[in-house]
Each structure stands twice: as C-alpha cells, then as structure tokens.
Amino acid sequence: MTDGAVKFVEPHELDLLIGQETVTVIDVREPDEFATGHIEGAINIPTSNFDIPALVDLTDENETDLVFVCAVGQRSFGAANAVLPHVDCDVSNLKGGLQSWSRAGFDLEDGK
C-alpha cells in the first residue's frame, strides 16, 4: 500500500504518460457524461458505482499507475484519495479536469 499523497498532473504531462503507456486513466464521471467525450482509452468507473477492489485488481494485473479525471477535477480528486490507501502505485489527478485537457488543445473521443 502506498502512503504518499495524490499527485496532480497537468494535461501535457498526462499526454506524455499516456504515450509511454505507464498509466491507466480512470474517468469517474457518470456514463452519460463519459459518452459526450473522454480521453482515448480511459476506463469509466463513475463515483456513483465506485469499485475500489476492481481498481486494486487492475493495478496488480497491469502494474500501472492511475490517473483520475472528471469534468473539473473535484470528483476525481475525491476518488483518487479514496483509492490511494488501497493500491501500491502512484495515484494522480488531472489538474483542472477535462476542461483543462480541452483548453490545452487535446482531443476527446466521443462514446459513439
């Protein structure tokens, strides 16, 4: 188990991490929000149905760090803090959420 703190990543840092395939992006918005646009490859685990054991299994199986995202970064920060004591990996939150991701010029994939 990690005893660190949730880290914050800027959009450009997250883009690099995704390119290096060292992180799994967890989008904690509701499915209807996720369907309107999300980071390519993100896994939708909404806070209304949050599954910490599944995230623990995911990090154990894939030896990956986790980056949590939501619209503005508030829900994802809460989710990241909830998971942090249960995993042995880095846990980060996208600073400013998907709004900052889009403002930085990065695309969202739609759910269609």
C-alpha atoms as a PDB file:
ATOM      1  CA  MET A   1       0.000   0.000   0.000  1.00  0.00           C
ATOM      2  CA  THR A   2       1.192   3.455  -0.799  1.00  0.00           C
ATOM      3  CA  ASP A   3       1.465   6.039   1.932  1.00  0.00           C
ATOM      4  CA  GLY A   4       2.076   9.002  -0.364  1.00  0.00           C
ATOM      5  CA  ALA A   5      -0.299  11.685  -1.466  1.00  0.00           C
ATOM      6  CA  VAL A   6      -2.356  12.126  -4.587  1.00  0.00           C
ATOM      7  CA  LYS A   7      -0.223  13.875  -7.185  1.00  0.00           C
ATOM      8  CA  PHE A   8      -1.524  16.429  -9.677  1.00  0.00           C
ATOM      9  CA  VAL A   9      -0.657  16.195 -13.362  1.00  0.00           C
ATOM     10  CA  GLU A  10      -1.042  18.869 -15.999  1.00  0.00           C
ATOM     11  CA  PRO A  11      -2.627  17.957 -19.343  1.00  0.00           C
ATOM     12  CA  HIS A  12       0.697  17.884 -21.238  1.00  0.00           C
ATOM     13  CA  GLU A  13       2.200  15.591 -18.565  1.00  0.00           C
ATOM     14  CA  LEU A  14      -0.762  13.224 -18.814  1.00  0.00           C
ATOM     15  CA  ASP A  15      -0.448  13.137 -22.600  1.00  0.00           C
ATOM     16  CA  LEU A  16       3.197  12.065 -22.248  1.00  0.00           C
ATOM     17  CA  LEU A  17       2.325   9.396 -19.676  1.00  0.00           C
ATOM     18  CA  ILE A  18      -0.419   8.020 -21.919  1.00  0.00           C
ATOM     19  CA  GLY A  19       2.044   7.901 -24.811  1.00  0.00           C
ATOM     20  CA  GLN A  20       4.509   5.966 -22.663  1.00  0.00           C
ATOM     21  CA  GLU A  21       1.699   3.570 -21.650  1.00  0.00           C
ATOM     22  CA  THR A  22       2.629   3.895 -17.973  1.00  0.00           C
ATOM     23  CA  VAL A  23      -0.791   4.953 -16.666  1.00  0.00           C
ATOM     24  CA  THR A  24      -4.405   3.912 -16.742  1.00  0.00           C
ATOM     25  CA  VAL A  25      -6.850   6.802 -16.972  1.00  0.00           C
ATOM     26  CA  ILE A  26      -9.957   6.390 -14.802  1.00  0.00           C
ATOM     27  CA  ASP A  27     -12.842   8.706 -15.702  1.00  0.00           C
ATOM     28  CA  VAL A  28     -15.179   8.970 -12.710  1.00  0.00           C
ATOM     29  CA  ARG A  29     -17.984  10.860 -14.441  1.00  0.00           C
ATOM     30  CA  GLU A  30     -21.374   9.276 -14.987  1.00  0.00           C
ATOM     31  CA  PRO A  31     -21.845   7.176 -18.160  1.00  0.00           C
ATOM     32  CA  ASP A  32     -23.913   9.871 -19.911  1.00  0.00           C
ATOM     33  CA  GLU A  33     -21.118  12.403 -19.272  1.00  0.00           C
ATOM     34  CA  PHE A  34     -18.466   9.908 -20.412  1.00  0.00           C
ATOM     35  CA  ALA A  35     -20.409   9.352 -23.660  1.00  0.00           C
ATOM     36  CA  THR A  36     -20.201  13.052 -24.537  1.00  0.00           C
ATOM     37  CA  GLY A  37     -16.402  12.850 -24.723  1.00  0.00           C
ATOM     38  CA  HIS A  38     -13.475  11.297 -22.849  1.00  0.00           C
ATOM     39  CA  ILE A  39      -9.746  10.767 -23.081  1.00  0.00           C
ATOM     40  CA  GLU A  40      -8.995   7.975 -25.523  1.00  0.00           C
ATOM     41  CA  GLY A  41      -8.504   4.685 -23.685  1.00  0.00           C
ATOM     42  CA  ALA A  42     -10.000   5.936 -20.410  1.00  0.00           C
ATOM     43  CA  ILE A  43     -11.971   3.483 -18.295  1.00  0.00           C
ATOM     44  CA  ASN A  44     -15.299   4.747 -16.989  1.00  0.00           C
ATOM     45  CA  ILE A  45     -15.813   3.927 -13.304  1.00  0.00           C
ATOM     46  CA  PRO A  46     -18.345   6.512 -12.080  1.00  0.00           C
ATOM     47  CA  THR A  47     -18.309   7.683  -8.495  1.00  0.00           C
ATOM     48  CA  SER A  48     -21.923   6.521  -8.155  1.00  0.00           C
ATOM     49  CA  ASN A  49     -20.736   2.928  -8.680  1.00  0.00           C
ATOM     50  CA  PHE A  50     -17.143   3.181  -7.483  1.00  0.00           C
ATOM     51  CA  ASP A  51     -15.355  -0.178  -7.322  1.00  0.00           C
ATOM     52  CA  ILE A  52     -12.126   0.029  -5.320  1.00  0.00           C
ATOM     53  CA  PRO A  53     -11.433  -3.758  -5.434  1.00  0.00           C
ATOM     54  CA  ALA A  54     -11.611  -3.662  -9.249  1.00  0.00           C
ATOM     55  CA  LEU A  55      -9.074  -0.838  -9.301  1.00  0.00           C
ATOM     56  CA  VAL A  56      -6.772  -2.740  -6.958  1.00  0.00           C
ATOM     57  CA  ASP A  57      -7.001  -5.765  -9.277  1.00  0.00           C
ATOM     58  CA  LEU A  58      -6.329  -3.559 -12.298  1.00  0.00           C
ATOM     59  CA  THR A  59      -3.141  -2.117 -10.817  1.00  0.00           C
ATOM     60  CA  ASP A  60      -1.948  -5.545  -9.666  1.00  0.00           C
ATOM     61  CA  GLU A  61      -2.576  -7.185 -13.053  1.00  0.00           C
ATOM     62  CA  ASN A  62      -1.164  -4.409 -15.225  1.00  0.00           C
ATOM     63  CA  GLU A  63       1.479  -2.873 -12.960  1.00  0.00           C
ATOM     64  CA  THR A  64       0.153   0.541 -13.884  1.00  0.00           C
ATOM     65  CA  ASP A  65      -0.226   3.869 -12.149  1.00  0.00           C
ATOM     66  CA  LEU A  66      -3.649   5.506 -12.009  1.00  0.00           C
ATOM     67  CA  VAL A  67      -4.729   8.954 -13.148  1.00  0.00           C
ATOM     68  CA  PHE A  68      -8.235  10.029 -12.220  1.00  0.00           C
ATOM     69  CA  VAL A  69     -10.209  12.521 -14.303  1.00  0.00           C
ATOM     70  CA  CYS A  70     -13.604  14.205 -14.262  1.00  0.00           C
ATOM     71  CA  ALA A  71     -15.023  17.441 -15.650  1.00  0.00           C
ATOM     72  CA  VAL A  72     -13.104  19.909 -13.439  1.00  0.00           C
ATOM     73  CA  GLY A  73     -11.003  17.721 -11.140  1.00  0.00           C
ATOM     74  CA  GLN A  74     -13.090  17.734  -7.970  1.00  0.00           C
ATOM     75  CA  ARG A  75     -14.851  14.346  -8.138  1.00  0.00           C
ATOM     76  CA  SER A  76     -11.695  12.704  -9.449  1.00  0.00           C
ATOM     77  CA  PHE A  77      -9.635  14.103  -6.567  1.00  0.00           C
ATOM     78  CA  GLY A  78     -12.067  12.548  -4.080  1.00  0.00           C
ATOM     79  CA  ALA A  79     -11.945   9.222  -5.916  1.00  0.00           C
ATOM     80  CA  ALA A  80      -8.149   9.284  -6.066  1.00  0.00           C
ATOM     81  CA  ASN A  81      -7.957   9.871  -2.315  1.00  0.00           C
ATOM     82  CA  ALA A  82     -10.391   7.005  -1.689  1.00  0.00           C
ATOM     83  CA  VAL A  83      -8.242   4.582  -3.709  1.00  0.00           C
ATOM     84  CA  LEU A  84      -4.826   5.769  -2.521  1.00  0.00           C
ATOM     85  CA  PRO A  85      -4.640   3.694   0.700  1.00  0.00           C
ATOM     86  CA  HIS A  86      -5.558   0.503  -1.165  1.00  0.00           C
ATOM     87  CA  VAL A  87      -3.054   0.432  -4.039  1.00  0.00           C
ATOM     88  CA  ASP A  88       0.691   0.112  -4.399  1.00  0.00           C
ATOM     89  CA  CYS A  89       1.170   2.566  -7.243  1.00  0.00           C
ATOM     90  CA  ASP A  90       1.212   6.279  -7.954  1.00  0.00           C
ATOM     91  CA  VAL A  91      -2.216   7.887  -7.894  1.00  0.00           C
ATOM     92  CA  SER A  92      -2.714  11.186  -9.690  1.00  0.00           C
ATOM     93  CA  ASN A  93      -5.482  13.613 -10.530  1.00  0.00           C
ATOM     94  CA  LEU A  94      -5.711  15.633 -13.741  1.00  0.00           C
ATOM     95  CA  LYS A  95      -5.427  19.234 -12.598  1.00  0.00           C
ATOM     96  CA  GLY A  96      -8.457  21.151 -13.843  1.00  0.00           C
ATOM     97  CA  GLY A  97     -10.085  18.015 -15.208  1.00  0.00           C
ATOM     98  CA  LEU A  98     -11.240  17.586 -18.771  1.00  0.00           C
ATOM     99  CA  GLN A  99     -11.834  21.307 -19.061  1.00  0.00           C
ATOM    100  CA  SER A 100      -8.097  21.916 -18.724  1.00  0.00           C
ATOM    101  CA  TRP A 101      -7.389  18.975 -21.075  1.00  0.00           C
ATOM    102  CA  SER A 102      -9.543  20.553 -23.792  1.00  0.00           C
ATOM    103  CA  ARG A 103      -8.219  24.078 -23.149  1.00  0.00           C
ATOM    104  CA  ALA A 104      -4.684  22.707 -23.625  1.00  0.00           C
ATOM    105  CA  GLY A 105      -5.703  21.580 -27.117  1.00  0.00           C
ATOM    106  CA  PHE A 106      -6.070  17.856 -26.530  1.00  0.00           C
ATOM    107  CA  ASP A 107      -8.941  15.980 -28.140  1.00  0.00           C
ATOM    108  CA  LEU A 108     -11.704  13.970 -26.545  1.00  0.00           C
ATOM    109  CA  GLU A 109     -13.007  10.755 -28.033  1.00  0.00           C
ATOM    110  CA  ASP A 110     -16.775  10.510 -28.207  1.00  0.00           C
ATOM    111  CA  GLY A 111     -18.685   7.497 -26.958  1.00  0.00           C
ATOM    112  CA  LYS A 112     -20.277   6.656 -30.296  1.00  0.00           C
END
